[in-house]
Amino acid sequence: MQDRPSPIELLAAVAHFLRTEILPTLSGHHAFQTRVSCNALDLIARQIALEPAADAAEVARLTALLGHDGTLESLNQEIAIAIADGRATLETPGLADHLWATTLAKLAVDQPQYGSYKREIARDAKQ
């Protein structure tokens, strides 16, 4: 493990520099591409921060659904095949909850400001 700054801190610093120092000096295509780049840096930081726990939780849910261990990739492939051939449906105990939790975990990385995601997280927090 490296000392500080962490990869997340480095990504945040670069995004901050681009947003506050560079972006105001740009226009048109370059401004757009810089905003896209800043958003990509933010997404990478969220993925680094959130992915390990989200993947572990997903593996645990899939292991419970399928009744055996495996890699995230192999378990996802197996559940996808079971859904495609009708062996697993939304009536399968735990499947709908798994799919919803997986979707929310992916949105936390990809689109944390998405209105429907924020409403769902707020609803869950109240329960």
N, C-alpha and C. Protein backbone atom coordinates (compact mmCIF):
# COMPACT_ATOMS: atom_id res chain seq x y z
N MET A 1 0.84 -1.17 0.00
CA MET A 1 0.00 0.00 0.00
C MET A 1 0.89 1.24 0.00
N GLN A 2 0.49 2.22 -0.77
CA GLN A 2 1.23 3.47 -0.87
C GLN A 2 0.77 4.43 0.21
N ASP A 3 1.64 5.39 0.50
CA ASP A 3 1.26 6.47 1.42
C ASP A 3 0.31 7.42 0.71
N ARG A 4 -0.14 8.41 1.46
CA ARG A 4 -1.05 9.39 0.89
C ARG A 4 -0.28 10.28 -0.08
N PRO A 5 -0.90 10.79 -1.09
CA PRO A 5 -2.32 10.72 -1.36
C PRO A 5 -2.72 9.38 -1.97
N SER A 6 -3.93 8.98 -1.65
CA SER A 6 -4.47 7.73 -2.18
C SER A 6 -4.87 7.94 -3.65
N PRO A 7 -5.09 6.85 -4.38
CA PRO A 7 -5.56 7.00 -5.77
C PRO A 7 -6.85 7.83 -5.86
N ILE A 8 -7.75 7.66 -4.92
CA ILE A 8 -8.99 8.43 -4.93
C ILE A 8 -8.69 9.92 -4.73
N GLU A 9 -7.79 10.22 -3.82
CA GLU A 9 -7.41 11.62 -3.59
C GLU A 9 -6.72 12.23 -4.81
N LEU A 10 -5.88 11.45 -5.47
CA LEU A 10 -5.22 11.93 -6.67
C LEU A 10 -6.23 12.22 -7.78
N LEU A 11 -7.16 11.31 -7.98
CA LEU A 11 -8.19 11.52 -8.99
C LEU A 11 -9.01 12.78 -8.69
N ALA A 12 -9.36 12.96 -7.42
CA ALA A 12 -10.14 14.13 -7.02
C ALA A 12 -9.35 15.41 -7.26
N ALA A 13 -8.06 15.39 -6.98
CA ALA A 13 -7.23 16.58 -7.17
C ALA A 13 -7.13 16.94 -8.66
N VAL A 14 -6.95 15.94 -9.50
CA VAL A 14 -6.87 16.21 -10.94
C VAL A 14 -8.20 16.75 -11.45
N ALA A 15 -9.31 16.13 -11.04
CA ALA A 15 -10.63 16.60 -11.47
C ALA A 15 -10.86 18.03 -10.99
N HIS A 16 -10.50 18.31 -9.76
CA HIS A 16 -10.67 19.66 -9.21
C HIS A 16 -9.85 20.68 -10.01
N PHE A 17 -8.60 20.36 -10.30
CA PHE A 17 -7.75 21.24 -11.10
C PHE A 17 -8.37 21.51 -12.47
N LEU A 18 -8.80 20.45 -13.12
CA LEU A 18 -9.40 20.62 -14.45
C LEU A 18 -10.65 21.48 -14.39
N ARG A 19 -11.49 21.24 -13.38
CA ARG A 19 -12.75 22.00 -13.26
C ARG A 19 -12.52 23.47 -12.91
N THR A 20 -11.60 23.73 -11.99
CA THR A 20 -11.46 25.10 -11.47
C THR A 20 -10.43 25.94 -12.23
N GLU A 21 -9.39 25.31 -12.77
CA GLU A 21 -8.33 26.08 -13.42
C GLU A 21 -8.38 26.01 -14.95
N ILE A 22 -8.70 24.86 -15.47
CA ILE A 22 -8.63 24.68 -16.92
C ILE A 22 -9.97 24.93 -17.60
N LEU A 23 -11.03 24.33 -17.10
CA LEU A 23 -12.34 24.44 -17.74
C LEU A 23 -12.79 25.88 -17.97
N PRO A 24 -12.60 26.78 -17.00
CA PRO A 24 -13.04 28.17 -17.24
C PRO A 24 -12.32 28.86 -18.40
N THR A 25 -11.17 28.33 -18.81
CA THR A 25 -10.42 28.95 -19.90
C THR A 25 -10.78 28.37 -21.27
N LEU A 26 -11.65 27.36 -21.27
CA LEU A 26 -11.98 26.65 -22.50
C LEU A 26 -13.38 26.97 -22.97
N SER A 27 -13.63 26.66 -24.23
CA SER A 27 -14.99 26.79 -24.77
C SER A 27 -15.20 25.68 -25.79
N GLY A 28 -16.43 25.54 -26.20
CA GLY A 28 -16.77 24.61 -27.27
C GLY A 28 -16.37 23.18 -26.99
N HIS A 29 -15.82 22.57 -28.01
CA HIS A 29 -15.47 21.15 -27.96
C HIS A 29 -14.50 20.82 -26.82
N HIS A 30 -13.49 21.66 -26.62
CA HIS A 30 -12.50 21.39 -25.57
C HIS A 30 -13.13 21.48 -24.18
N ALA A 31 -14.03 22.42 -23.96
CA ALA A 31 -14.73 22.52 -22.67
C ALA A 31 -15.58 21.28 -22.45
N PHE A 32 -16.29 20.86 -23.49
CA PHE A 32 -17.11 19.66 -23.38
C PHE A 32 -16.25 18.44 -23.05
N GLN A 33 -15.16 18.26 -23.77
CA GLN A 33 -14.29 17.10 -23.54
C GLN A 33 -13.66 17.15 -22.15
N THR A 34 -13.37 18.32 -21.65
CA THR A 34 -12.81 18.44 -20.30
C THR A 34 -13.85 18.07 -19.26
N ARG A 35 -15.11 18.48 -19.46
CA ARG A 35 -16.19 18.08 -18.53
C ARG A 35 -16.36 16.57 -18.55
N VAL A 36 -16.33 15.98 -19.73
CA VAL A 36 -16.44 14.52 -19.85
C VAL A 36 -15.27 13.85 -19.13
N SER A 37 -14.09 14.39 -19.28
CA SER A 37 -12.91 13.83 -18.61
C SER A 37 -13.02 13.92 -17.10
N CYS A 38 -13.51 15.05 -16.59
CA CYS A 38 -13.71 15.21 -15.14
C CYS A 38 -14.73 14.19 -14.63
N ASN A 39 -15.80 14.02 -15.37
CA ASN A 39 -16.81 13.04 -14.97
C ASN A 39 -16.23 11.62 -14.97
N ALA A 40 -15.37 11.33 -15.94
CA ALA A 40 -14.73 10.01 -15.99
C ALA A 40 -13.82 9.81 -14.78
N LEU A 41 -13.08 10.83 -14.39
CA LEU A 41 -12.22 10.74 -13.21
C LEU A 41 -13.06 10.50 -11.95
N ASP A 42 -14.19 11.21 -11.84
CA ASP A 42 -15.09 11.01 -10.70
C ASP A 42 -15.63 9.59 -10.67
N LEU A 43 -16.01 9.07 -11.84
CA LEU A 43 -16.54 7.71 -11.93
C LEU A 43 -15.47 6.69 -11.51
N ILE A 44 -14.26 6.88 -11.96
CA ILE A 44 -13.17 5.96 -11.59
C ILE A 44 -12.95 5.98 -10.07
N ALA A 45 -12.98 7.16 -9.48
CA ALA A 45 -12.81 7.25 -8.02
C ALA A 45 -13.92 6.52 -7.29
N ARG A 46 -15.17 6.70 -7.76
CA ARG A 46 -16.28 5.98 -7.12
C ARG A 46 -16.13 4.48 -7.30
N GLN A 47 -15.69 4.05 -8.47
CA GLN A 47 -15.52 2.62 -8.71
C GLN A 47 -14.45 2.04 -7.78
N ILE A 48 -13.35 2.73 -7.63
CA ILE A 48 -12.29 2.27 -6.73
C ILE A 48 -12.83 2.17 -5.30
N ALA A 49 -13.61 3.16 -4.89
CA ALA A 49 -14.11 3.20 -3.51
C ALA A 49 -15.21 2.18 -3.25
N LEU A 50 -16.11 1.99 -4.20
CA LEU A 50 -17.32 1.20 -3.95
C LEU A 50 -17.30 -0.22 -4.48
N GLU A 51 -16.52 -0.48 -5.50
CA GLU A 51 -16.59 -1.77 -6.17
C GLU A 51 -16.24 -2.97 -5.30
N PRO A 52 -15.20 -2.92 -4.47
CA PRO A 52 -14.88 -4.13 -3.69
C PRO A 52 -16.04 -4.61 -2.81
N ALA A 53 -16.67 -3.71 -2.08
CA ALA A 53 -17.78 -4.11 -1.22
C ALA A 53 -19.00 -4.52 -2.04
N ALA A 54 -19.26 -3.80 -3.13
CA ALA A 54 -20.40 -4.15 -3.98
C ALA A 54 -20.21 -5.52 -4.61
N ASP A 55 -19.01 -5.80 -5.08
CA ASP A 55 -18.75 -7.12 -5.67
C ASP A 55 -18.87 -8.23 -4.64
N ALA A 56 -18.36 -8.01 -3.44
CA ALA A 56 -18.47 -9.03 -2.39
C ALA A 56 -19.92 -9.29 -2.04
N ALA A 57 -20.72 -8.24 -1.94
CA ALA A 57 -22.14 -8.41 -1.64
C ALA A 57 -22.85 -9.13 -2.77
N GLU A 58 -22.50 -8.82 -4.00
CA GLU A 58 -23.11 -9.48 -5.15
C GLU A 58 -22.76 -10.97 -5.17
N VAL A 59 -21.51 -11.30 -4.90
CA VAL A 59 -21.11 -12.71 -4.83
C VAL A 59 -21.88 -13.43 -3.73
N ALA A 60 -22.04 -12.79 -2.58
CA ALA A 60 -22.78 -13.42 -1.47
C ALA A 60 -24.23 -13.68 -1.87
N ARG A 61 -24.86 -12.72 -2.53
CA ARG A 61 -26.26 -12.91 -2.96
C ARG A 61 -26.36 -14.02 -4.00
N LEU A 62 -25.45 -14.01 -4.96
CA LEU A 62 -25.48 -15.05 -6.00
C LEU A 62 -25.18 -16.42 -5.42
N THR A 63 -24.26 -16.49 -4.48
CA THR A 63 -23.96 -17.77 -3.82
C THR A 63 -25.20 -18.30 -3.12
N ALA A 64 -25.93 -17.43 -2.44
CA ALA A 64 -27.16 -17.86 -1.77
C ALA A 64 -28.22 -18.30 -2.78
N LEU A 65 -28.34 -17.57 -3.88
CA LEU A 65 -29.33 -17.92 -4.90
C LEU A 65 -29.01 -19.24 -5.59
N LEU A 66 -27.74 -19.44 -5.91
CA LEU A 66 -27.35 -20.60 -6.70
C LEU A 66 -26.94 -21.81 -5.86
N GLY A 67 -26.65 -21.57 -4.59
CA GLY A 67 -26.32 -22.68 -3.70
C GLY A 67 -24.89 -23.17 -3.79
N HIS A 68 -24.00 -22.38 -4.38
CA HIS A 68 -22.59 -22.76 -4.43
C HIS A 68 -21.73 -21.54 -4.66
N ASP A 69 -20.44 -21.68 -4.36
CA ASP A 69 -19.47 -20.60 -4.54
C ASP A 69 -19.04 -20.51 -6.00
N GLY A 70 -18.40 -19.41 -6.31
CA GLY A 70 -17.83 -19.20 -7.63
C GLY A 70 -17.30 -17.79 -7.74
N THR A 71 -16.75 -17.49 -8.88
CA THR A 71 -16.31 -16.11 -9.12
C THR A 71 -17.52 -15.27 -9.48
N LEU A 72 -17.38 -13.97 -9.34
CA LEU A 72 -18.48 -13.09 -9.71
C LEU A 72 -18.87 -13.32 -11.16
N GLU A 73 -17.90 -13.43 -12.02
CA GLU A 73 -18.19 -13.64 -13.44
C GLU A 73 -18.92 -14.96 -13.69
N SER A 74 -18.45 -16.04 -13.08
CA SER A 74 -19.09 -17.34 -13.33
C SER A 74 -20.48 -17.41 -12.73
N LEU A 75 -20.66 -16.82 -11.54
CA LEU A 75 -21.99 -16.82 -10.92
C LEU A 75 -22.97 -15.96 -11.72
N ASN A 76 -22.52 -14.82 -12.21
CA ASN A 76 -23.38 -13.98 -13.04
C ASN A 76 -23.75 -14.69 -14.34
N GLN A 77 -22.80 -15.37 -14.92
CA GLN A 77 -23.08 -16.11 -16.15
C GLN A 77 -24.12 -17.20 -15.87
N GLU A 78 -23.98 -17.89 -14.77
CA GLU A 78 -24.91 -18.96 -14.42
C GLU A 78 -26.32 -18.42 -14.16
N ILE A 79 -26.44 -17.33 -13.42
CA ILE A 79 -27.77 -16.80 -13.14
C ILE A 79 -28.40 -16.24 -14.42
N ALA A 80 -27.58 -15.65 -15.29
CA ALA A 80 -28.10 -15.14 -16.56
C ALA A 80 -28.67 -16.27 -17.42
N ILE A 81 -27.97 -17.39 -17.46
CA ILE A 81 -28.45 -18.54 -18.21
C ILE A 81 -29.73 -19.08 -17.59
N ALA A 82 -29.77 -19.15 -16.26
CA ALA A 82 -30.98 -19.64 -15.57
C ALA A 82 -32.18 -18.73 -15.84
N ILE A 83 -31.95 -17.43 -15.90
CA ILE A 83 -33.02 -16.48 -16.22
C ILE A 83 -33.45 -16.67 -17.68
N ALA A 84 -32.48 -16.77 -18.57
CA ALA A 84 -32.77 -16.89 -20.00
C ALA A 84 -33.56 -18.15 -20.33
N ASP A 85 -33.25 -19.24 -19.65
CA ASP A 85 -33.97 -20.49 -19.98
C ASP A 85 -35.18 -20.74 -19.08
N GLY A 86 -35.49 -19.76 -18.21
CA GLY A 86 -36.71 -19.84 -17.42
C GLY A 86 -36.60 -20.60 -16.10
N ARG A 87 -35.43 -21.09 -15.75
CA ARG A 87 -35.27 -21.77 -14.46
C ARG A 87 -35.31 -20.79 -13.30
N ALA A 88 -34.97 -19.56 -13.55
CA ALA A 88 -35.03 -18.51 -12.53
C ALA A 88 -35.93 -17.40 -13.06
N THR A 89 -36.90 -16.99 -12.23
CA THR A 89 -37.83 -15.93 -12.60
C THR A 89 -37.93 -14.94 -11.43
N LEU A 90 -38.69 -13.91 -11.62
CA LEU A 90 -38.87 -12.95 -10.53
C LEU A 90 -39.57 -13.57 -9.33
N GLU A 91 -40.19 -14.72 -9.52
CA GLU A 91 -40.80 -15.44 -8.40
C GLU A 91 -39.77 -16.29 -7.64
N THR A 92 -38.58 -16.46 -8.18
CA THR A 92 -37.52 -17.19 -7.49
C THR A 92 -37.14 -16.41 -6.25
N PRO A 93 -37.24 -17.04 -5.07
CA PRO A 93 -36.92 -16.31 -3.83
C PRO A 93 -35.54 -15.66 -3.87
N GLY A 94 -35.51 -14.36 -3.63
CA GLY A 94 -34.27 -13.61 -3.56
C GLY A 94 -33.79 -13.02 -4.87
N LEU A 95 -34.32 -13.48 -6.00
CA LEU A 95 -33.81 -13.00 -7.28
C LEU A 95 -34.14 -11.53 -7.52
N ALA A 96 -35.37 -11.13 -7.31
CA ALA A 96 -35.73 -9.72 -7.54
C ALA A 96 -34.93 -8.80 -6.62
N ASP A 97 -34.78 -9.20 -5.36
CA ASP A 97 -33.99 -8.39 -4.42
C ASP A 97 -32.54 -8.29 -4.88
N HIS A 98 -32.00 -9.40 -5.36
CA HIS A 98 -30.62 -9.41 -5.86
C HIS A 98 -30.48 -8.46 -7.05
N LEU A 99 -31.38 -8.56 -7.99
CA LEU A 99 -31.30 -7.71 -9.18
C LEU A 99 -31.42 -6.24 -8.82
N TRP A 100 -32.30 -5.92 -7.87
CA TRP A 100 -32.48 -4.53 -7.44
C TRP A 100 -31.23 -4.03 -6.72
N ALA A 101 -30.69 -4.82 -5.82
CA ALA A 101 -29.48 -4.42 -5.08
C ALA A 101 -28.30 -4.23 -6.03
N THR A 102 -28.18 -5.10 -7.01
CA THR A 102 -27.10 -5.00 -7.99
C THR A 102 -27.25 -3.73 -8.82
N THR A 103 -28.48 -3.44 -9.22
CA THR A 103 -28.74 -2.22 -9.99
C THR A 103 -28.38 -0.98 -9.19
N LEU A 104 -28.80 -0.94 -7.93
CA LEU A 104 -28.49 0.22 -7.09
C LEU A 104 -26.99 0.37 -6.88
N ALA A 105 -26.28 -0.74 -6.71
CA ALA A 105 -24.83 -0.67 -6.53
C ALA A 105 -24.15 -0.13 -7.78
N LYS A 106 -24.64 -0.52 -8.94
CA LYS A 106 -24.05 -0.03 -10.19
C LYS A 106 -24.37 1.46 -10.39
N LEU A 107 -25.58 1.87 -10.04
CA LEU A 107 -25.93 3.29 -10.14
C LEU A 107 -25.11 4.15 -9.17
N ALA A 108 -24.77 3.61 -8.01
CA ALA A 108 -23.95 4.35 -7.05
C ALA A 108 -22.61 4.74 -7.66
N VAL A 109 -22.10 3.91 -8.55
CA VAL A 109 -20.84 4.21 -9.23
C VAL A 109 -21.09 5.07 -10.46
N ASP A 110 -22.02 4.65 -11.28
CA ASP A 110 -22.20 5.26 -12.59
C ASP A 110 -23.00 6.57 -12.58
N GLN A 111 -24.08 6.64 -11.82
CA GLN A 111 -24.97 7.80 -11.85
C GLN A 111 -25.51 8.14 -10.46
N PRO A 112 -24.67 8.48 -9.50
CA PRO A 112 -25.15 8.71 -8.14
C PRO A 112 -26.07 9.92 -8.00
N GLN A 113 -26.11 10.79 -8.99
CA GLN A 113 -26.99 11.96 -8.94
C GLN A 113 -28.31 11.73 -9.68
N TYR A 114 -28.51 10.54 -10.21
CA TYR A 114 -29.73 10.19 -10.93
C TYR A 114 -30.91 10.30 -9.96
N GLY A 115 -31.92 11.05 -10.33
CA GLY A 115 -33.04 11.34 -9.44
C GLY A 115 -33.72 10.12 -8.87
N SER A 116 -34.02 9.14 -9.70
CA SER A 116 -34.69 7.93 -9.21
C SER A 116 -33.81 7.16 -8.24
N TYR A 117 -32.52 7.13 -8.49
CA TYR A 117 -31.58 6.47 -7.58
C TYR A 117 -31.59 7.17 -6.23
N LYS A 118 -31.50 8.49 -6.25
CA LYS A 118 -31.47 9.25 -4.99
C LYS A 118 -32.77 9.06 -4.20
N ARG A 119 -33.91 9.03 -4.89
CA ARG A 119 -35.19 8.79 -4.20
C ARG A 119 -35.23 7.41 -3.57
N GLU A 120 -34.73 6.41 -4.28
CA GLU A 120 -34.74 5.04 -3.76
C GLU A 120 -33.82 4.90 -2.55
N ILE A 121 -32.66 5.50 -2.61
CA ILE A 121 -31.73 5.45 -1.49
C ILE A 121 -32.34 6.16 -0.28
N ALA A 122 -32.99 7.29 -0.50
CA ALA A 122 -33.65 8.02 0.60
C ALA A 122 -34.79 7.18 1.19
N ARG A 123 -35.54 6.49 0.33
CA ARG A 123 -36.63 5.63 0.80
C ARG A 123 -36.07 4.48 1.64
N ASP A 124 -35.01 3.87 1.17
CA ASP A 124 -34.39 2.77 1.92
C ASP A 124 -33.85 3.24 3.27
N ALA A 125 -33.32 4.46 3.29
CA ALA A 125 -32.76 4.99 4.54
C ALA A 125 -33.85 5.21 5.59
N LYS A 126 -35.06 5.52 5.14
CA LYS A 126 -36.18 5.74 6.07
C LYS A 126 -36.72 4.44 6.65
N GLN A 127 -36.48 3.34 5.96
CA GLN A 127 -37.02 2.04 6.41
C GLN A 127 -36.16 1.40 7.46
